[in-house]
Amino acid sequence: MTLCHHIDFCVAVDKRNESGVKHVALLGGSFNPVHAGHTMLANYLIAYGGFDEVWMVLSPQNPLKDTAIDQPGDFRRWEMLNIALEGATNIRPCDIELYMPRPSYSIDTLRVLSSRYPSCRFTPVIGADNWLMFERWRSYQAILSEYGVAVYPRPGFPVDVHTMPEQAVWIDAPVVDISSTWIRSALRQGRDMNYFLPHGVYKYIMENNLYR
């Protein structure tokens, strides 16, 4: 697939709302590796979340996490993300953060994308675990006021939706209790994870001896 920073997705628009602006959900993550829970959520955002497209933004480094462990590198994770989304409708990989200063901050990513794609309206999508620590994010108030945020449920992280600010939207997506950490652990134990990963990703992991 073509790199996000090389192609203007908003020029060749498949679907826009009445205002002519395409509403794009930004689903960020290290995708280490990308798994079925990620792609199911992206699919749900298109089918039920009211978004025209979902861009899955590959993050090189989460400033709130130690990603040095079990890290196969940007290129490998980017390859897996492309394999996972091959043939997907309105779900695209985005590598913009690989070309930005590190660590990655969502406010910077949002502003760069908004400047580059003025006919798109971007909304970051985060899990309930991140929402409960959202005040630790850099410029979190600016994120809320300028872009809003969509929050989906995560097991073990209850959110009282009635206390959420008006700039935050609850996405009642099905709870899928799969994590990349668990998958990496299973792969190290030699377990078959073929059906927990998008088509082709497990084969890529086996062929390149990743997470072993």
C-alpha atoms as a PDB file:
ATOM      1  CA  MET A   1       0.000   0.000   0.000  1.00  0.00           C
ATOM      2  CA  THR A   2       1.015   3.612  -0.489  1.00  0.00           C
ATOM      3  CA  LEU A   3       2.421   5.535   2.453  1.00  0.00           C
ATOM      4  CA  CYS A   4       0.079   8.004   4.129  1.00  0.00           C
ATOM      5  CA  HIS A   5       2.484  10.916   3.867  1.00  0.00           C
ATOM      6  CA  HIS A   6       2.871  10.404   0.114  1.00  0.00           C
ATOM      7  CA  ILE A   7      -0.771  10.320  -0.968  1.00  0.00           C
ATOM      8  CA  ASP A   8      -3.577  12.796  -0.369  1.00  0.00           C
ATOM      9  CA  PHE A   9      -6.433  10.517   0.674  1.00  0.00           C
ATOM     10  CA  CYS A  10      -8.843  13.448   0.748  1.00  0.00           C
ATOM     11  CA  VAL A  11      -8.404  14.182  -2.957  1.00  0.00           C
ATOM     12  CA  ALA A  12      -9.845  10.877  -4.106  1.00  0.00           C
ATOM     13  CA  VAL A  13     -12.814  10.820  -1.768  1.00  0.00           C
ATOM     14  CA  ASP A  14     -15.081   7.792  -1.764  1.00  0.00           C
ATOM     15  CA  LYS A  15     -17.672   9.257   0.565  1.00  0.00           C
ATOM     16  CA  ARG A  16     -18.203  12.644   2.193  1.00  0.00           C
ATOM     17  CA  ASN A  17     -20.932  14.127   4.302  1.00  0.00           C
ATOM     18  CA  GLU A  18     -23.202  16.924   3.124  1.00  0.00           C
ATOM     19  CA  SER A  19     -20.696  19.625   4.089  1.00  0.00           C
ATOM     20  CA  GLY A  20     -18.088  18.173   1.740  1.00  0.00           C
ATOM     21  CA  VAL A  21     -15.791  17.319   4.647  1.00  0.00           C
ATOM     22  CA  LYS A  22     -14.679  13.744   5.193  1.00  0.00           C
ATOM     23  CA  HIS A  23     -14.806  12.631   8.830  1.00  0.00           C
ATOM     24  CA  VAL A  24     -11.741  10.532   9.567  1.00  0.00           C
ATOM     25  CA  ALA A  25     -11.133   8.509  12.720  1.00  0.00           C
ATOM     26  CA  LEU A  26      -7.486   8.284  13.747  1.00  0.00           C
ATOM     27  CA  LEU A  27      -6.791   4.976  15.435  1.00  0.00           C
ATOM     28  CA  GLY A  28      -3.208   5.100  16.647  1.00  0.00           C
ATOM     29  CA  GLY A  29      -1.014   2.415  18.100  1.00  0.00           C
ATOM     30  CA  SER A  30       2.262   0.581  17.965  1.00  0.00           C
ATOM     31  CA  PHE A  31       0.431  -2.379  16.342  1.00  0.00           C
ATOM     32  CA  ASN A  32       3.075  -4.707  17.715  1.00  0.00           C
ATOM     33  CA  PRO A  33       1.650  -6.767  16.098  1.00  0.00           C
ATOM     34  CA  VAL A  34      -1.610  -5.576  14.571  1.00  0.00           C
ATOM     35  CA  HIS A  35      -4.291  -8.099  15.554  1.00  0.00           C
ATOM     36  CA  ALA A  36      -7.937  -8.946  14.935  1.00  0.00           C
ATOM     37  CA  GLY A  37      -9.123  -6.677  17.754  1.00  0.00           C
ATOM     38  CA  HIS A  38      -7.593  -3.657  15.995  1.00  0.00           C
ATOM     39  CA  THR A  39      -9.191  -4.395  12.640  1.00  0.00           C
ATOM     40  CA  MET A  40     -12.548  -5.292  14.192  1.00  0.00           C
ATOM     41  CA  LEU A  41     -12.626  -1.931  15.969  1.00  0.00           C
ATOM     42  CA  ALA A  42     -11.721  -0.088  12.765  1.00  0.00           C
ATOM     43  CA  ASN A  43     -14.505  -1.943  10.952  1.00  0.00           C
ATOM     44  CA  TYR A  44     -16.978  -1.028  13.715  1.00  0.00           C
ATOM     45  CA  LEU A  45     -16.041   2.660  13.487  1.00  0.00           C
ATOM     46  CA  ILE A  46     -16.966   2.632   9.804  1.00  0.00           C
ATOM     47  CA  ALA A  47     -20.121   0.535  10.189  1.00  0.00           C
ATOM     48  CA  TYR A  48     -21.545   2.125  13.349  1.00  0.00           C
ATOM     49  CA  GLY A  49     -19.371   5.041  14.464  1.00  0.00           C
ATOM     50  CA  GLY A  50     -20.391   7.551  11.809  1.00  0.00           C
ATOM     51  CA  PHE A  51     -16.920   7.902  10.294  1.00  0.00           C
ATOM     52  CA  ASP A  52     -16.216   8.024   6.574  1.00  0.00           C
ATOM     53  CA  GLU A  53     -12.752   6.526   6.965  1.00  0.00           C
ATOM     54  CA  VAL A  54     -10.418   5.139   9.602  1.00  0.00           C
ATOM     55  CA  TRP A  55      -6.695   5.814   9.357  1.00  0.00           C
ATOM     56  CA  MET A  56      -4.658   3.407  11.463  1.00  0.00           C
ATOM     57  CA  VAL A  57      -1.666   5.506  12.514  1.00  0.00           C
ATOM     58  CA  LEU A  58       1.489   3.541  13.245  1.00  0.00           C
ATOM     59  CA  SER A  59       3.246   5.033  16.245  1.00  0.00           C
ATOM     60  CA  PRO A  60       7.017   4.629  16.572  1.00  0.00           C
ATOM     61  CA  GLN A  61       7.072   5.441  20.274  1.00  0.00           C
ATOM     62  CA  ASN A  62       4.362   5.997  22.861  1.00  0.00           C
ATOM     63  CA  PRO A  63       5.707   8.588  25.354  1.00  0.00           C
ATOM     64  CA  LEU A  64       3.749   6.886  28.155  1.00  0.00           C
ATOM     65  CA  LYS A  65       4.976   3.345  27.432  1.00  0.00           C
ATOM     66  CA  ASP A  66       8.269   1.499  27.178  1.00  0.00           C
ATOM     67  CA  THR A  67       8.138   0.096  23.643  1.00  0.00           C
ATOM     68  CA  ALA A  68      11.732  -1.085  23.533  1.00  0.00           C
ATOM     69  CA  ILE A  69      10.707  -4.588  24.613  1.00  0.00           C
ATOM     70  CA  ASP A  70       9.641  -6.983  21.830  1.00  0.00           C
ATOM     71  CA  GLN A  71      10.060  -4.258  19.224  1.00  0.00           C
ATOM     72  CA  PRO A  72      10.670  -5.632  15.723  1.00  0.00           C
ATOM     73  CA  GLY A  73      11.190  -2.146  14.308  1.00  0.00           C
ATOM     74  CA  ASP A  74       9.128   0.367  12.374  1.00  0.00           C
ATOM     75  CA  PHE A  75       9.528  -1.329   9.000  1.00  0.00           C
ATOM     76  CA  ARG A  76       8.299  -4.745  10.158  1.00  0.00           C
ATOM     77  CA  ARG A  77       5.271  -3.303  11.946  1.00  0.00           C
ATOM     78  CA  TRP A  78       4.484  -1.126   8.924  1.00  0.00           C
ATOM     79  CA  GLU A  79       4.670  -4.207   6.667  1.00  0.00           C
ATOM     80  CA  MET A  80       2.275  -6.108   8.936  1.00  0.00           C
ATOM     81  CA  LEU A  81      -0.169  -3.196   9.046  1.00  0.00           C
ATOM     82  CA  ASN A  82      -0.205  -3.020   5.256  1.00  0.00           C
ATOM     83  CA  ILE A  83      -0.780  -6.769   5.001  1.00  0.00           C
ATOM     84  CA  ALA A  84      -3.626  -6.549   7.514  1.00  0.00           C
ATOM     85  CA  LEU A  85      -5.420  -3.790   5.590  1.00  0.00           C
ATOM     86  CA  GLU A  86      -4.877  -5.096   2.071  1.00  0.00           C
ATOM     87  CA  GLY A  87      -8.214  -4.851   0.256  1.00  0.00           C
ATOM     88  CA  ALA A  88      -9.920  -3.027   3.139  1.00  0.00           C
ATOM     89  CA  THR A  89     -12.645  -0.520   2.326  1.00  0.00           C
ATOM     90  CA  ASN A  90     -12.219   2.934   3.896  1.00  0.00           C
ATOM     91  CA  ILE A  91      -9.593   1.690   6.378  1.00  0.00           C
ATOM     92  CA  ARG A  92      -6.081   2.872   5.571  1.00  0.00           C
ATOM     93  CA  PRO A  93      -2.605   2.592   7.095  1.00  0.00           C
ATOM     94  CA  CYS A  94      -0.894   5.861   7.957  1.00  0.00           C
ATOM     95  CA  ASP A  95       2.825   6.266   8.648  1.00  0.00           C
ATOM     96  CA  ILE A  96       2.909  10.024   9.286  1.00  0.00           C
ATOM     97  CA  GLU A  97       4.351   9.633  12.794  1.00  0.00           C
ATOM     98  CA  LEU A  98       7.365   7.710  11.486  1.00  0.00           C
ATOM     99  CA  TYR A  99       8.482  10.985   9.856  1.00  0.00           C
ATOM    100  CA  MET A 100       7.819  13.249  12.838  1.00  0.00           C
ATOM    101  CA  PRO A 101       9.970  14.046  15.891  1.00  0.00           C
ATOM    102  CA  ARG A 102       9.950  11.398  18.584  1.00  0.00           C
ATOM    103  CA  PRO A 103       8.329  10.687  20.929  1.00  0.00           C
ATOM    104  CA  SER A 104       4.984  11.053  19.180  1.00  0.00           C
ATOM    105  CA  TYR A 105       2.323  13.346  20.635  1.00  0.00           C
ATOM    106  CA  SER A 106      -1.236  13.178  19.369  1.00  0.00           C
ATOM    107  CA  ILE A 107      -1.717  16.939  19.278  1.00  0.00           C
ATOM    108  CA  ASP A 108       1.235  17.285  16.886  1.00  0.00           C
ATOM    109  CA  THR A 109      -0.032  14.471  14.656  1.00  0.00           C
ATOM    110  CA  LEU A 110      -3.517  15.978  14.534  1.00  0.00           C
ATOM    111  CA  ARG A 111      -2.256  19.421  13.615  1.00  0.00           C
ATOM    112  CA  VAL A 112       0.092  18.136  10.914  1.00  0.00           C
ATOM    113  CA  LEU A 113      -2.646  16.040   9.325  1.00  0.00           C
ATOM    114  CA  SER A 114      -5.207  18.851   9.579  1.00  0.00           C
ATOM    115  CA  SER A 115      -2.807  21.215   7.831  1.00  0.00           C
ATOM    116  CA  ARG A 116      -1.966  18.681   5.144  1.00  0.00           C
ATOM    117  CA  TYR A 117      -5.544  17.510   4.529  1.00  0.00           C
ATOM    118  CA  PRO A 118      -7.802  20.565   5.067  1.00  0.00           C
ATOM    119  CA  SER A 119     -10.861  18.836   3.587  1.00  0.00           C
ATOM    120  CA  CYS A 120     -10.741  16.154   6.297  1.00  0.00           C
ATOM    121  CA  ARG A 121     -11.997  16.423   9.860  1.00  0.00           C
ATOM    122  CA  PHE A 122      -9.975  14.244  12.198  1.00  0.00           C
ATOM    123  CA  THR A 123     -11.059  12.690  15.482  1.00  0.00           C
ATOM    124  CA  PRO A 124      -8.682  10.610  17.612  1.00  0.00           C
ATOM    125  CA  VAL A 125     -10.081   7.307  18.843  1.00  0.00           C
ATOM    126  CA  ILE A 126      -8.799   5.990  22.171  1.00  0.00           C
ATOM    127  CA  GLY A 127      -9.594   3.166  24.557  1.00  0.00           C
ATOM    128  CA  ALA A 128     -11.204   3.615  27.950  1.00  0.00           C
ATOM    129  CA  ASP A 129      -7.834   2.902  29.595  1.00  0.00           C
ATOM    130  CA  ASN A 130      -6.312   5.919  27.839  1.00  0.00           C
ATOM    131  CA  TRP A 131      -9.373   8.051  28.528  1.00  0.00           C
ATOM    132  CA  LEU A 132      -8.973   7.516  32.271  1.00  0.00           C
ATOM    133  CA  MET A 133      -5.453   8.956  32.024  1.00  0.00           C
ATOM    134  CA  PHE A 134      -6.227  11.458  29.293  1.00  0.00           C
ATOM    135  CA  GLU A 135      -5.240  14.423  31.456  1.00  0.00           C
ATOM    136  CA  ARG A 136      -1.643  13.177  31.280  1.00  0.00           C
ATOM    137  CA  TRP A 137      -1.588  13.637  27.503  1.00  0.00           C
ATOM    138  CA  ARG A 138       0.246  16.643  26.142  1.00  0.00           C
ATOM    139  CA  SER A 139      -2.201  19.481  25.367  1.00  0.00           C
ATOM    140  CA  TYR A 140      -5.182  17.252  26.140  1.00  0.00           C
ATOM    141  CA  GLN A 141      -7.470  20.267  26.485  1.00  0.00           C
ATOM    142  CA  ALA A 142      -6.479  21.458  23.005  1.00  0.00           C
ATOM    143  CA  ILE A 143      -7.213  17.996  21.630  1.00  0.00           C
ATOM    144  CA  LEU A 144     -10.688  18.103  23.123  1.00  0.00           C
ATOM    145  CA  SER A 145     -11.493  21.654  22.017  1.00  0.00           C
ATOM    146  CA  GLU A 146     -10.015  21.424  18.513  1.00  0.00           C
ATOM    147  CA  TYR A 147     -10.789  17.825  17.543  1.00  0.00           C
ATOM    148  CA  GLY A 148     -12.858  16.085  20.183  1.00  0.00           C
ATOM    149  CA  VAL A 149     -12.215  12.461  21.019  1.00  0.00           C
ATOM    150  CA  ALA A 150     -14.029   9.156  20.570  1.00  0.00           C
ATOM    151  CA  VAL A 151     -13.690   6.579  23.344  1.00  0.00           C
ATOM    152  CA  TYR A 152     -14.314   2.842  23.089  1.00  0.00           C
ATOM    153  CA  PRO A 153     -14.645   0.339  25.972  1.00  0.00           C
ATOM    154  CA  ARG A 154     -11.731  -1.690  27.291  1.00  0.00           C
ATOM    155  CA  PRO A 155     -12.141  -4.556  29.788  1.00  0.00           C
ATOM    156  CA  GLY A 156     -11.311  -3.542  33.335  1.00  0.00           C
ATOM    157  CA  PHE A 157     -11.579   0.198  32.690  1.00  0.00           C
ATOM    158  CA  PRO A 158     -15.153   1.337  33.487  1.00  0.00           C
ATOM    159  CA  VAL A 159     -16.136   4.802  32.289  1.00  0.00           C
ATOM    160  CA  ASP A 160     -19.134   6.795  33.480  1.00  0.00           C
ATOM    161  CA  VAL A 161     -20.297   8.169  30.144  1.00  0.00           C
ATOM    162  CA  HIS A 162     -22.552  10.686  31.911  1.00  0.00           C
ATOM    163  CA  THR A 163     -19.494  12.535  33.247  1.00  0.00           C
ATOM    164  CA  MET A 164     -17.741  12.802  29.894  1.00  0.00           C
ATOM    165  CA  PRO A 165     -17.439  16.325  28.417  1.00  0.00           C
ATOM    166  CA  GLU A 166     -19.468  17.206  25.355  1.00  0.00           C
ATOM    167  CA  GLN A 167     -16.346  17.055  23.169  1.00  0.00           C
ATOM    168  CA  ALA A 168     -15.952  13.352  23.970  1.00  0.00           C
ATOM    169  CA  VAL A 169     -18.123  10.696  22.296  1.00  0.00           C
ATOM    170  CA  TRP A 170     -18.622   7.174  23.608  1.00  0.00           C
ATOM    171  CA  ILE A 171     -18.337   4.480  20.928  1.00  0.00           C
ATOM    172  CA  ASP A 172     -20.160   1.406  22.215  1.00  0.00           C
ATOM    173  CA  ALA A 173     -18.020  -1.065  20.298  1.00  0.00           C
ATOM    174  CA  PRO A 174     -17.939  -4.754  21.264  1.00  0.00           C
ATOM    175  CA  VAL A 175     -15.301  -5.504  23.887  1.00  0.00           C
ATOM    176  CA  VAL A 176     -12.553  -7.681  22.425  1.00  0.00           C
ATOM    177  CA  ASP A 177     -10.142  -8.783  25.143  1.00  0.00           C
ATOM    178  CA  ILE A 178      -7.089  -9.312  22.913  1.00  0.00           C
ATOM    179  CA  SER A 179      -3.809  -7.488  23.371  1.00  0.00           C
ATOM    180  CA  SER A 180      -0.580  -7.384  21.415  1.00  0.00           C
ATOM    181  CA  THR A 181       1.264  -8.206  24.648  1.00  0.00           C
ATOM    182  CA  TRP A 182      -0.704 -11.441  25.036  1.00  0.00           C
ATOM    183  CA  ILE A 183      -0.165 -12.373  21.392  1.00  0.00           C
ATOM    184  CA  ARG A 184       3.588 -11.769  21.648  1.00  0.00           C
ATOM    185  CA  SER A 185       3.714 -13.965  24.735  1.00  0.00           C
ATOM    186  CA  ALA A 186       1.781 -16.728  22.978  1.00  0.00           C
ATOM    187  CA  LEU A 187       4.060 -16.552  19.959  1.00  0.00           C
ATOM    188  CA  ARG A 188       7.134 -16.883  22.177  1.00  0.00           C
ATOM    189  CA  GLN A 189       5.580 -20.066  23.571  1.00  0.00           C
ATOM    190  CA  GLY A 190       5.132 -21.420  20.048  1.00  0.00           C
ATOM    191  CA  ARG A 191       1.341 -21.258  20.094  1.00  0.00           C
ATOM    192  CA  ASP A 192      -0.710 -20.941  16.905  1.00  0.00           C
ATOM    193  CA  MET A 193      -2.116 -17.403  16.699  1.00  0.00           C
ATOM    194  CA  ASN A 194      -3.280 -17.589  13.091  1.00  0.00           C
ATOM    195  CA  TYR A 195      -6.936 -16.759  13.799  1.00  0.00           C
ATOM    196  CA  PHE A 196      -6.120 -13.958  16.240  1.00  0.00           C
ATOM    197  CA  LEU A 197      -4.293 -12.030  13.525  1.00  0.00           C
ATOM    198  CA  PRO A 198      -5.498 -10.549  10.230  1.00  0.00           C
ATOM    199  CA  HIS A 199      -5.088 -12.716   7.165  1.00  0.00           C
ATOM    200  CA  GLY A 200      -1.449 -12.917   6.121  1.00  0.00           C
ATOM    201  CA  VAL A 201       0.026 -11.366   9.286  1.00  0.00           C
ATOM    202  CA  TYR A 202       0.657 -14.678  11.056  1.00  0.00           C
ATOM    203  CA  LYS A 203       2.403 -16.020   7.957  1.00  0.00           C
ATOM    204  CA  TYR A 204       4.584 -12.898   7.827  1.00  0.00           C
ATOM    205  CA  ILE A 205       5.514 -13.307  11.503  1.00  0.00           C
ATOM    206  CA  MET A 206       6.458 -16.953  10.999  1.00  0.00           C
ATOM    207  CA  GLU A 207       8.451 -16.293   7.832  1.00  0.00           C
ATOM    208  CA  ASN A 208      10.443 -13.497   9.496  1.00  0.00           C
ATOM    209  CA  ASN A 209      10.846 -15.274  12.839  1.00  0.00           C
ATOM    210  CA  LEU A 210       9.344 -12.406  14.831  1.00  0.00           C
ATOM    211  CA  TYR A 211       8.524 -12.451  18.561  1.00  0.00           C
ATOM    212  CA  ARG A 212      10.268 -15.800  19.055  1.00  0.00           C
END
